Amino acid sequence: MCVKEYEEAMNKLPINERAVIKDFIQKIQDDNMADIICGNRRLQEEQIERLKKLRRNIKITRNIHIASCVGVVAYVGFTLITR
């Protein structure tokens, strides 16, 4: 339905019915906006969780590398001492 047909149909209705329809349309638009906002919040929360997970993985990887370096240093030191 185009805008002109919508306006003509609305003009044919009594004032109280027009008000009810406009109120109903406004509620639908508000609900759609609320869904969009909630969807954005949900997306942001998911992104935050992904970042937290990535940070944990980076910490774990860093700790593994540090432990490997300490192991290598200990092995080289032990090898040098026992010669």
PDB file of N, CA and C in Angstrom:
ATOM      1  N   MET A   1       0.854  -1.171   0.000  1.00  0.00           N
ATOM      2  CA  MET A   1       0.000   0.000   0.000  1.00  0.00           C
ATOM      3  C   MET A   1       0.901   1.236   0.000  1.00  0.00           C
ATOM      4  N   CYS A   2       0.614   2.152  -0.886  1.00  0.00           N
ATOM      5  CA  CYS A   2       1.440   3.355  -0.954  1.00  0.00           C
ATOM      6  C   CYS A   2       0.951   4.393   0.048  1.00  0.00           C
ATOM      7  N   VAL A   3       1.711   5.411   0.224  1.00  0.00           N
ATOM      8  CA  VAL A   3       1.427   6.439   1.227  1.00  0.00           C
ATOM      9  C   VAL A   3       0.104   7.142   0.921  1.00  0.00           C
ATOM     10  N   LYS A   4      -0.121   7.419  -0.345  1.00  0.00           N
ATOM     11  CA  LYS A   4      -1.350   8.133  -0.722  1.00  0.00           C
ATOM     12  C   LYS A   4      -2.588   7.305  -0.381  1.00  0.00           C
ATOM     13  N   GLU A   5      -2.559   6.020  -0.698  1.00  0.00           N
ATOM     14  CA  GLU A   5      -3.693   5.139  -0.383  1.00  0.00           C
ATOM     15  C   GLU A   5      -3.894   5.035   1.125  1.00  0.00           C
ATOM     16  N   TYR A   6      -2.778   4.969   1.865  1.00  0.00           N
ATOM     17  CA  TYR A   6      -2.851   4.899   3.326  1.00  0.00           C
ATOM     18  C   TYR A   6      -3.517   6.150   3.887  1.00  0.00           C
ATOM     19  N   GLU A   7      -3.082   7.306   3.404  1.00  0.00           N
ATOM     20  CA  GLU A   7      -3.652   8.566   3.889  1.00  0.00           C
ATOM     21  C   GLU A   7      -5.136   8.675   3.549  1.00  0.00           C
ATOM     22  N   GLU A   8      -5.511   8.246   2.352  1.00  0.00           N
ATOM     23  CA  GLU A   8      -6.929   8.295   1.963  1.00  0.00           C
ATOM     24  C   GLU A   8      -7.749   7.374   2.859  1.00  0.00           C
ATOM     25  N   ALA A   9      -7.248   6.193   3.127  1.00  0.00           N
ATOM     26  CA  ALA A   9      -7.966   5.252   3.980  1.00  0.00           C
ATOM     27  C   ALA A   9      -8.075   5.798   5.404  1.00  0.00           C
ATOM     28  N   MET A  10      -6.993   6.400   5.904  1.00  0.00           N
ATOM     29  CA  MET A  10      -7.028   6.964   7.255  1.00  0.00           C
ATOM     30  C   MET A  10      -8.019   8.122   7.337  1.00  0.00           C
ATOM     31  N   ASN A  11      -8.106   8.934   6.284  1.00  0.00           N
ATOM     32  CA  ASN A  11      -9.022  10.072   6.291  1.00  0.00           C
ATOM     33  C   ASN A  11     -10.482   9.631   6.286  1.00  0.00           C
ATOM     34  N   LYS A  12     -10.766   8.455   5.769  1.00  0.00           N
ATOM     35  CA  LYS A  12     -12.142   7.953   5.731  1.00  0.00           C
ATOM     36  C   LYS A  12     -12.599   7.415   7.083  1.00  0.00           C
ATOM     37  N   LEU A  13     -11.649   7.145   7.973  1.00  0.00           N
ATOM     38  CA  LEU A  13     -11.985   6.584   9.279  1.00  0.00           C
ATOM     39  C   LEU A  13     -12.399   7.678  10.256  1.00  0.00           C
ATOM     40  N   PRO A  14     -13.221   7.304  11.241  1.00  0.00           N
ATOM     41  CA  PRO A  14     -13.530   8.260  12.304  1.00  0.00           C
ATOM     42  C   PRO A  14     -12.269   8.576  13.127  1.00  0.00           C
ATOM     43  N   ILE A  15     -12.273   9.707  13.807  1.00  0.00           N
ATOM     44  CA  ILE A  15     -11.095  10.181  14.540  1.00  0.00           C
ATOM     45  C   ILE A  15     -10.630   9.165  15.588  1.00  0.00           C
ATOM     46  N   ASN A  16     -11.562   8.578  16.331  1.00  0.00           N
ATOM     47  CA  ASN A  16     -11.156   7.648  17.384  1.00  0.00           C
ATOM     48  C   ASN A  16     -10.501   6.388  16.800  1.00  0.00           C
ATOM     49  N   GLU A  17     -10.981   5.895  15.669  1.00  0.00           N
ATOM     50  CA  GLU A  17     -10.365   4.726  15.034  1.00  0.00           C
ATOM     51  C   GLU A  17      -8.984   5.081  14.478  1.00  0.00           C
ATOM     52  N   ARG A  18      -8.859   6.289  13.931  1.00  0.00           N
ATOM     53  CA  ARG A  18      -7.561   6.757  13.449  1.00  0.00           C
ATOM     54  C   ARG A  18      -6.541   6.790  14.582  1.00  0.00           C
ATOM     55  N   ALA A  19      -6.975   7.290  15.731  1.00  0.00           N
ATOM     56  CA  ALA A  19      -6.083   7.374  16.885  1.00  0.00           C
ATOM     57  C   ALA A  19      -5.643   5.979  17.337  1.00  0.00           C
ATOM     58  N   VAL A  20      -6.572   5.029  17.321  1.00  0.00           N
ATOM     59  CA  VAL A  20      -6.241   3.659  17.723  1.00  0.00           C
ATOM     60  C   VAL A  20      -5.224   3.060  16.759  1.00  0.00           C
ATOM     61  N   ILE A  21      -5.429   3.249  15.476  1.00  0.00           N
ATOM     62  CA  ILE A  21      -4.505   2.704  14.474  1.00  0.00           C
ATOM     63  C   ILE A  21      -3.137   3.363  14.595  1.00  0.00           C
ATOM     64  N   LYS A  22      -3.101   4.676  14.747  1.00  0.00           N
ATOM     65  CA  LYS A  22      -1.815   5.365  14.890  1.00  0.00           C
ATOM     66  C   LYS A  22      -1.080   4.900  16.145  1.00  0.00           C
ATOM     67  N   ASP A  23      -1.836   4.716  17.234  1.00  0.00           N
ATOM     68  CA  ASP A  23      -1.233   4.225  18.475  1.00  0.00           C
ATOM     69  C   ASP A  23      -0.676   2.815  18.277  1.00  0.00           C
ATOM     70  N   PHE A  24      -1.425   1.977  17.577  1.00  0.00           N
ATOM     71  CA  PHE A  24      -0.982   0.607  17.308  1.00  0.00           C
ATOM     72  C   PHE A  24       0.297   0.602  16.461  1.00  0.00           C
ATOM     73  N   ILE A  25       0.326   1.438  15.434  1.00  0.00           N
ATOM     74  CA  ILE A  25       1.517   1.537  14.582  1.00  0.00           C
ATOM     75  C   ILE A  25       2.711   2.034  15.398  1.00  0.00           C
ATOM     76  N   GLN A  26       2.484   2.997  16.277  1.00  0.00           N
ATOM     77  CA  GLN A  26       3.568   3.512  17.128  1.00  0.00           C
ATOM     78  C   GLN A  26       4.110   2.426  18.047  1.00  0.00           C
ATOM     79  N   LYS A  27       3.205   1.599  18.609  1.00  0.00           N
ATOM     80  CA  LYS A  27       3.652   0.508  19.484  1.00  0.00           C
ATOM     81  C   LYS A  27       4.492  -0.504  18.710  1.00  0.00           C
ATOM     82  N   ILE A  28       4.087  -0.801  17.499  1.00  0.00           N
ATOM     83  CA  ILE A  28       4.865  -1.724  16.668  1.00  0.00           C
ATOM     84  C   ILE A  28       6.255  -1.150  16.404  1.00  0.00           C
ATOM     85  N   GLN A  29       6.328   0.128  16.067  1.00  0.00           N
ATOM     86  CA  GLN A  29       7.623   0.766  15.814  1.00  0.00           C
ATOM     87  C   GLN A  29       8.481   0.779  17.076  1.00  0.00           C
ATOM     88  N   ASP A  30       7.864   1.041  18.230  1.00  0.00           N
ATOM     89  CA  ASP A  30       8.608   1.037  19.490  1.00  0.00           C
ATOM     90  C   ASP A  30       9.141  -0.360  19.798  1.00  0.00           C
ATOM     91  N   ASP A  31       8.312  -1.393  19.553  1.00  0.00           N
ATOM     92  CA  ASP A  31       8.745  -2.767  19.786  1.00  0.00           C
ATOM     93  C   ASP A  31       9.896  -3.133  18.867  1.00  0.00           C
ATOM     94  N   ASN A  32       9.805  -2.707  17.604  1.00  0.00           N
ATOM     95  CA  ASN A  32      10.896  -2.974  16.664  1.00  0.00           C
ATOM     96  C   ASN A  32      12.179  -2.288  17.113  1.00  0.00           C
ATOM     97  N   MET A  33      12.052  -1.060  17.605  1.00  0.00           N
ATOM     98  CA  MET A  33      13.228  -0.331  18.077  1.00  0.00           C
ATOM     99  C   MET A  33      13.812  -1.018  19.313  1.00  0.00           C
ATOM    100  N   ALA A  34      12.945  -1.495  20.198  1.00  0.00           N
ATOM    101  CA  ALA A  34      13.420  -2.203  21.393  1.00  0.00           C
ATOM    102  C   ALA A  34      14.155  -3.475  20.997  1.00  0.00           C
ATOM    103  N   ASP A  35      13.631  -4.186  19.993  1.00  0.00           N
ATOM    104  CA  ASP A  35      14.309  -5.396  19.511  1.00  0.00           C
ATOM    105  C   ASP A  35      15.679  -5.050  18.940  1.00  0.00           C
ATOM    106  N   ILE A  36      15.759  -3.960  18.216  1.00  0.00           N
ATOM    107  CA  ILE A  36      17.037  -3.547  17.637  1.00  0.00           C
ATOM    108  C   ILE A  36      18.028  -3.208  18.743  1.00  0.00           C
ATOM    109  N   ILE A  37      17.570  -2.469  19.742  1.00  0.00           N
ATOM    110  CA  ILE A  37      18.449  -2.083  20.851  1.00  0.00           C
ATOM    111  C   ILE A  37      18.903  -3.314  21.615  1.00  0.00           C
ATOM    112  N   CYS A  38      17.974  -4.216  21.922  1.00  0.00           N
ATOM    113  CA  CYS A  38      18.335  -5.440  22.642  1.00  0.00           C
ATOM    114  C   CYS A  38      19.279  -6.290  21.802  1.00  0.00           C
ATOM    115  N   GLY A  39      19.041  -6.323  20.510  1.00  0.00           N
ATOM    116  CA  GLY A  39      19.920  -7.079  19.619  1.00  0.00           C
ATOM    117  C   GLY A  39      21.326  -6.512  19.638  1.00  0.00           C
ATOM    118  N   ASN A  40      21.434  -5.183  19.641  1.00  0.00           N
ATOM    119  CA  ASN A  40      22.748  -4.539  19.700  1.00  0.00           C
ATOM    120  C   ASN A  40      23.441  -4.837  21.016  1.00  0.00           C
ATOM    121  N   ARG A  41      22.679  -4.816  22.100  1.00  0.00           N
ATOM    122  CA  ARG A  41      23.265  -5.127  23.408  1.00  0.00           C
ATOM    123  C   ARG A  41      23.753  -6.562  23.437  1.00  0.00           C
ATOM    124  N   ARG A  42      22.949  -7.455  22.895  1.00  0.00           N
ATOM    125  CA  ARG A  42      23.328  -8.870  22.864  1.00  0.00           C
ATOM    126  C   ARG A  42      24.598  -9.048  22.047  1.00  0.00           C
ATOM    127  N   LEU A  43      24.684  -8.348  20.924  1.00  0.00           N
ATOM    128  CA  LEU A  43      25.875  -8.421  20.083  1.00  0.00           C
ATOM    129  C   LEU A  43      27.095  -7.876  20.821  1.00  0.00           C
ATOM    130  N   GLN A  44      26.926  -6.772  21.519  1.00  0.00           N
ATOM    131  CA  GLN A  44      28.037  -6.206  22.295  1.00  0.00           C
ATOM    132  C   GLN A  44      28.488  -7.170  23.384  1.00  0.00           C
ATOM    133  N   GLU A  45      27.528  -7.802  24.062  1.00  0.00           N
ATOM    134  CA  GLU A  45      27.876  -8.757  25.113  1.00  0.00           C
ATOM    135  C   GLU A  45      28.638  -9.948  24.534  1.00  0.00           C
ATOM    136  N   GLU A  46      28.211 -10.411  23.358  1.00  0.00           N
ATOM    137  CA  GLU A  46      28.918 -11.517  22.707  1.00  0.00           C
ATOM    138  C   GLU A  46      30.343 -11.103  22.343  1.00  0.00           C
ATOM    139  N   GLN A  47      30.509  -9.888  21.846  1.00  0.00           N
ATOM    140  CA  GLN A  47      31.842  -9.405  21.491  1.00  0.00           C
ATOM    141  C   GLN A  47      32.716  -9.275  22.731  1.00  0.00           C
ATOM    142  N   ILE A  48      32.149  -8.815  23.825  1.00  0.00           N
ATOM    143  CA  ILE A  48      32.911  -8.703  25.068  1.00  0.00           C
ATOM    144  C   ILE A  48      33.349 -10.082  25.543  1.00  0.00           C
ATOM    145  N   GLU A  49      32.452 -11.064  25.456  1.00  0.00           N
ATOM    146  CA  GLU A  49      32.806 -12.424  25.858  1.00  0.00           C
ATOM    147  C   GLU A  49      33.917 -12.988  24.971  1.00  0.00           C
ATOM    148  N   ARG A  50      33.840 -12.724  23.662  1.00  0.00           N
ATOM    149  CA  ARG A  50      34.898 -13.181  22.759  1.00  0.00           C
ATOM    150  C   ARG A  50      36.237 -12.542  23.106  1.00  0.00           C
ATOM    151  N   LEU A  51      36.226 -11.249  23.434  1.00  0.00           N
ATOM    152  CA  LEU A  51      37.462 -10.566  23.814  1.00  0.00           C
ATOM    153  C   LEU A  51      38.035 -11.140  25.106  1.00  0.00           C
ATOM    154  N   LYS A  52      37.164 -11.416  26.077  1.00  0.00           N
ATOM    155  CA  LYS A  52      37.635 -12.012  27.329  1.00  0.00           C
ATOM    156  C   LYS A  52      38.263 -13.378  27.078  1.00  0.00           C
ATOM    157  N   LYS A  53      37.610 -14.160  26.226  1.00  0.00           N
ATOM    158  CA  LYS A  53      38.137 -15.488  25.898  1.00  0.00           C
ATOM    159  C   LYS A  53      39.490 -15.365  25.198  1.00  0.00           C
ATOM    160  N   LEU A  54      39.603 -14.417  24.283  1.00  0.00           N
ATOM    161  CA  LEU A  54      40.858 -14.190  23.568  1.00  0.00           C
ATOM    162  C   LEU A  54      41.965 -13.779  24.537  1.00  0.00           C
ATOM    163  N   ARG A  55      41.651 -12.898  25.480  1.00  0.00           N
ATOM    164  CA  ARG A  55      42.641 -12.480  26.479  1.00  0.00           C
ATOM    165  C   ARG A  55      43.100 -13.656  27.323  1.00  0.00           C
ATOM    166  N   ARG A  56      42.146 -14.529  27.715  1.00  0.00           N
ATOM    167  CA  ARG A  56      42.520 -15.723  28.492  1.00  0.00           C
ATOM    168  C   ARG A  56      43.444 -16.612  27.680  1.00  0.00           C
ATOM    169  N   ASN A  57      43.120 -16.798  26.414  1.00  0.00           N
ATOM    170  CA  ASN A  57      43.964 -17.632  25.558  1.00  0.00           C
ATOM    171  C   ASN A  57      45.358 -17.034  25.395  1.00  0.00           C
ATOM    172  N   ILE A  58      45.432 -15.723  25.271  1.00  0.00           N
ATOM    173  CA  ILE A  58      46.735 -15.055  25.144  1.00  0.00           C
ATOM    174  C   ILE A  58      47.543 -15.254  26.423  1.00  0.00           C
ATOM    175  N   LYS A  59      46.892 -15.109  27.584  1.00  0.00           N
ATOM    176  CA  LYS A  59      47.590 -15.313  28.854  1.00  0.00           C
ATOM    177  C   LYS A  59      48.109 -16.740  28.961  1.00  0.00           C
ATOM    178  N   ILE A  60      47.273 -17.709  28.599  1.00  0.00           N
ATOM    179  CA  ILE A  60      47.675 -19.117  28.676  1.00  0.00           C
ATOM    180  C   ILE A  60      48.857 -19.369  27.745  1.00  0.00           C
ATOM    181  N   THR A  61      48.770 -18.859  26.532  1.00  0.00           N
ATOM    182  CA  THR A  61      49.854 -19.044  25.567  1.00  0.00           C
ATOM    183  C   THR A  61      51.136 -18.399  26.070  1.00  0.00           C
ATOM    184  N   ARG A  62      51.024 -17.199  26.623  1.00  0.00           N
ATOM    185  CA  ARG A  62      52.199 -16.515  27.161  1.00  0.00           C
ATOM    186  C   ARG A  62      52.821 -17.328  28.291  1.00  0.00           C
ATOM    187  N   ASN A  63      51.994 -17.861  29.169  1.00  0.00           N
ATOM    188  CA  ASN A  63      52.507 -18.661  30.286  1.00  0.00           C
ATOM    189  C   ASN A  63      53.194 -19.935  29.794  1.00  0.00           C
ATOM    190  N   ILE A  64      52.652 -20.529  28.740  1.00  0.00           N
ATOM    191  CA  ILE A  64      53.276 -21.726  28.163  1.00  0.00           C
ATOM    192  C   ILE A  64      54.646 -21.371  27.589  1.00  0.00           C
ATOM    193  N   HIS A  65      54.744 -20.242  26.906  1.00  0.00           N
ATOM    194  CA  HIS A  65      56.030 -19.814  26.339  1.00  0.00           C
ATOM    195  C   HIS A  65      57.046 -19.503  27.439  1.00  0.00           C
ATOM    196  N   ILE A  66      56.587 -18.861  28.488  1.00  0.00           N
ATOM    197  CA  ILE A  66      57.487 -18.563  29.613  1.00  0.00           C
ATOM    198  C   ILE A  66      57.987 -19.858  30.240  1.00  0.00           C
ATOM    199  N   ALA A  67      57.071 -20.805  30.443  1.00  0.00           N
ATOM    200  CA  ALA A  67      57.461 -22.089  31.035  1.00  0.00           C
ATOM    201  C   ALA A  67      58.445 -22.816  30.126  1.00  0.00           C
ATOM    202  N   SER A  68      58.246 -22.750  28.828  1.00  0.00           N
ATOM    203  CA  SER A  68      59.168 -23.395  27.883  1.00  0.00           C
ATOM    204  C   SER A  68      60.548 -22.765  27.974  1.00  0.00           C
ATOM    205  N   CYS A  69      60.588 -21.440  28.041  1.00  0.00           N
ATOM    206  CA  CYS A  69      61.880 -20.747  28.143  1.00  0.00           C
ATOM    207  C   CYS A  69      62.591 -21.122  29.443  1.00  0.00           C
ATOM    208  N   VAL A  70      61.862 -21.159  30.530  1.00  0.00           N
ATOM    209  CA  VAL A  70      62.452 -21.541  31.811  1.00  0.00           C
ATOM    210  C   VAL A  70      62.971 -22.971  31.731  1.00  0.00           C
ATOM    211  N   GLY A  71      62.211 -23.852  31.083  1.00  0.00           N
ATOM    212  CA  GLY A  71      62.644 -25.240  30.917  1.00  0.00           C
ATOM    213  C   GLY A  71      63.925 -25.342  30.115  1.00  0.00           C
ATOM    214  N   VAL A  72      64.019 -24.583  29.047  1.00  0.00           N
ATOM    215  CA  VAL A  72      65.217 -24.602  28.206  1.00  0.00           C
ATOM    216  C   VAL A  72      66.417 -24.085  28.994  1.00  0.00           C
ATOM    217  N   VAL A  73      66.228 -22.987  29.722  1.00  0.00           N
ATOM    218  CA  VAL A  73      67.317 -22.427  30.526  1.00  0.00           C
ATOM    219  C   VAL A  73      67.750 -23.434  31.594  1.00  0.00           C
ATOM    220  N   ALA A  74      66.799 -24.076  32.224  1.00  0.00           N
ATOM    221  CA  ALA A  74      67.131 -25.068  33.248  1.00  0.00           C
ATOM    222  C   ALA A  74      67.889 -26.242  32.631  1.00  0.00           C
ATOM    223  N   TYR A  75      67.444 -26.683  31.471  1.00  0.00           N
ATOM    224  CA  TYR A  75      68.113 -27.812  30.808  1.00  0.00           C
ATOM    225  C   TYR A  75      69.547 -27.447  30.419  1.00  0.00           C
ATOM    226  N   VAL A  76      69.709 -26.250  29.841  1.00  0.00           N
ATOM    227  CA  VAL A  76      71.056 -25.817  29.446  1.00  0.00           C
ATOM    228  C   VAL A  76      71.932 -25.666  30.676  1.00  0.00           C
ATOM    229  N   GLY A  77      71.414 -25.099  31.740  1.00  0.00           N
ATOM    230  CA  GLY A  77      72.183 -24.961  32.971  1.00  0.00           C
ATOM    231  C   GLY A  77      72.567 -26.297  33.552  1.00  0.00           C
ATOM    232  N   PHE A  78      71.639 -27.232  33.570  1.00  0.00           N
ATOM    233  CA  PHE A  78      71.932 -28.564  34.082  1.00  0.00           C
ATOM    234  C   PHE A  78      72.998 -29.264  33.241  1.00  0.00           C
ATOM    235  N   THR A  79      72.872 -29.101  31.909  1.00  0.00           N
ATOM    236  CA  THR A  79      73.838 -29.724  31.001  1.00  0.00           C
ATOM    237  C   THR A  79      75.229 -29.132  31.217  1.00  0.00           C
ATOM    238  N   LEU A  80      75.328 -27.842  31.380  1.00  0.00           N
ATOM    239  CA  LEU A  80      76.612 -27.195  31.617  1.00  0.00           C
ATOM    240  C   LEU A  80      77.232 -27.618  32.958  1.00  0.00           C
ATOM    241  N   ILE A  81      76.397 -27.755  33.972  1.00  0.00           N
ATOM    242  CA  ILE A  81      76.901 -28.125  35.298  1.00  0.00           C
ATOM    243  C   ILE A  81      77.411 -29.548  35.320  1.00  0.00           C
ATOM    244  N   THR A  82      76.719 -30.449  34.629  1.00  0.00           N
ATOM    245  CA  THR A  82      77.090 -31.877  34.685  1.00  0.00           C
ATOM    246  C   THR A  82      78.254 -32.231  33.764  1.00  0.00           C
ATOM    247  N   ARG A  83      78.742 -31.343  32.970  1.00  0.00           N
ATOM    248  CA  ARG A  83      79.877 -31.651  32.091  1.00  0.00           C
ATOM    249  C   ARG A  83      81.136 -31.584  32.800  1.00  0.00           C
TER     250      ARG A  83
END
